[in-house]
Protein backbone atom coordinates (compact mmCIF):
# COMPACT_ATOMS: atom_id res chain seq x y z
CA ALA A 1 74.27 162.25 47.26
CA VAL A 2 74.55 158.81 48.82
CA LYS A 3 74.86 155.56 46.86
CA THR A 4 73.79 152.28 48.38
CA GLY A 5 75.35 148.94 47.65
CA MET A 6 74.52 145.65 49.32
CA LEU A 7 72.12 146.25 52.18
CA TRP A 8 71.68 142.72 53.44
CA SER A 9 68.91 143.05 56.03
CA ALA A 10 65.44 144.58 56.21
CA ASP A 11 66.44 146.49 59.37
CA MET A 12 69.44 148.03 57.65
CA ILE A 13 67.31 149.04 54.66
CA ARG A 14 64.70 150.69 56.89
CA ILE A 15 67.39 152.65 58.77
CA VAL A 16 68.97 153.88 55.52
CA ALA A 17 65.53 154.96 54.27
CA GLU A 18 64.74 156.79 57.53
CA LYS A 19 68.08 158.63 57.59
CA THR A 20 67.81 159.52 53.90
CA VAL A 21 64.50 161.26 54.57
CA GLN A 22 65.63 162.72 57.91
CA TYR A 23 68.69 164.39 56.36
CA ASP A 24 67.01 165.15 53.00
CA MET A 25 69.75 163.39 51.04
CA LYS A 26 69.80 162.53 47.35
CA LEU A 27 69.85 158.75 47.02
CA ILE A 28 71.20 156.42 44.35
CA VAL A 29 69.96 152.87 44.93
CA ASP A 30 72.33 150.28 43.47
CA PRO A 31 71.20 147.05 45.12
CA VAL A 32 73.45 144.04 45.09
CA MET A 33 70.94 141.22 45.24
CA ILE A 34 72.50 138.21 43.53
CA ALA A 35 76.07 136.94 43.79
CA LYS A 36 78.17 136.32 40.70
CA GLY A 37 77.59 132.59 41.18
CA GLY A 38 73.80 133.07 41.25
CA ALA A 39 73.18 132.81 45.00
CA SER A 40 70.71 135.27 46.52
CA LEU A 41 72.34 137.80 48.84
CA LEU A 42 69.08 139.11 50.29
CA ASN A 43 66.32 137.28 52.09
CA GLU A 44 62.66 137.89 51.22
CA ASP A 45 62.22 140.40 54.07
CA ALA A 46 65.10 142.50 52.75
CA VAL A 47 63.76 142.43 49.17
CA SER A 48 60.35 143.51 50.42
CA ALA A 49 61.87 146.30 52.55
CA LEU A 50 63.89 147.49 49.56
CA LYS A 51 60.72 147.75 47.45
CA THR A 52 58.62 149.28 50.22
CA HIS A 53 61.00 151.68 51.96
CA LEU A 54 63.99 152.51 49.76
CA LEU A 55 62.90 152.50 46.11
CA PRO A 56 60.02 154.98 46.62
CA ILE A 57 62.54 157.56 47.92
């Protein structure tokens, strides 16, 4: 199995999703989206990519 952490860009998220399917891996999605101080660590494109490409896997 593979566990994700902070995937900060939409491109990175799409690549992880593609490789997960390509290699038929088990996936644990543990997104790091907000810093301890409350700042967002992902832009809107990355959040959308996470919902669209990674979470359905």
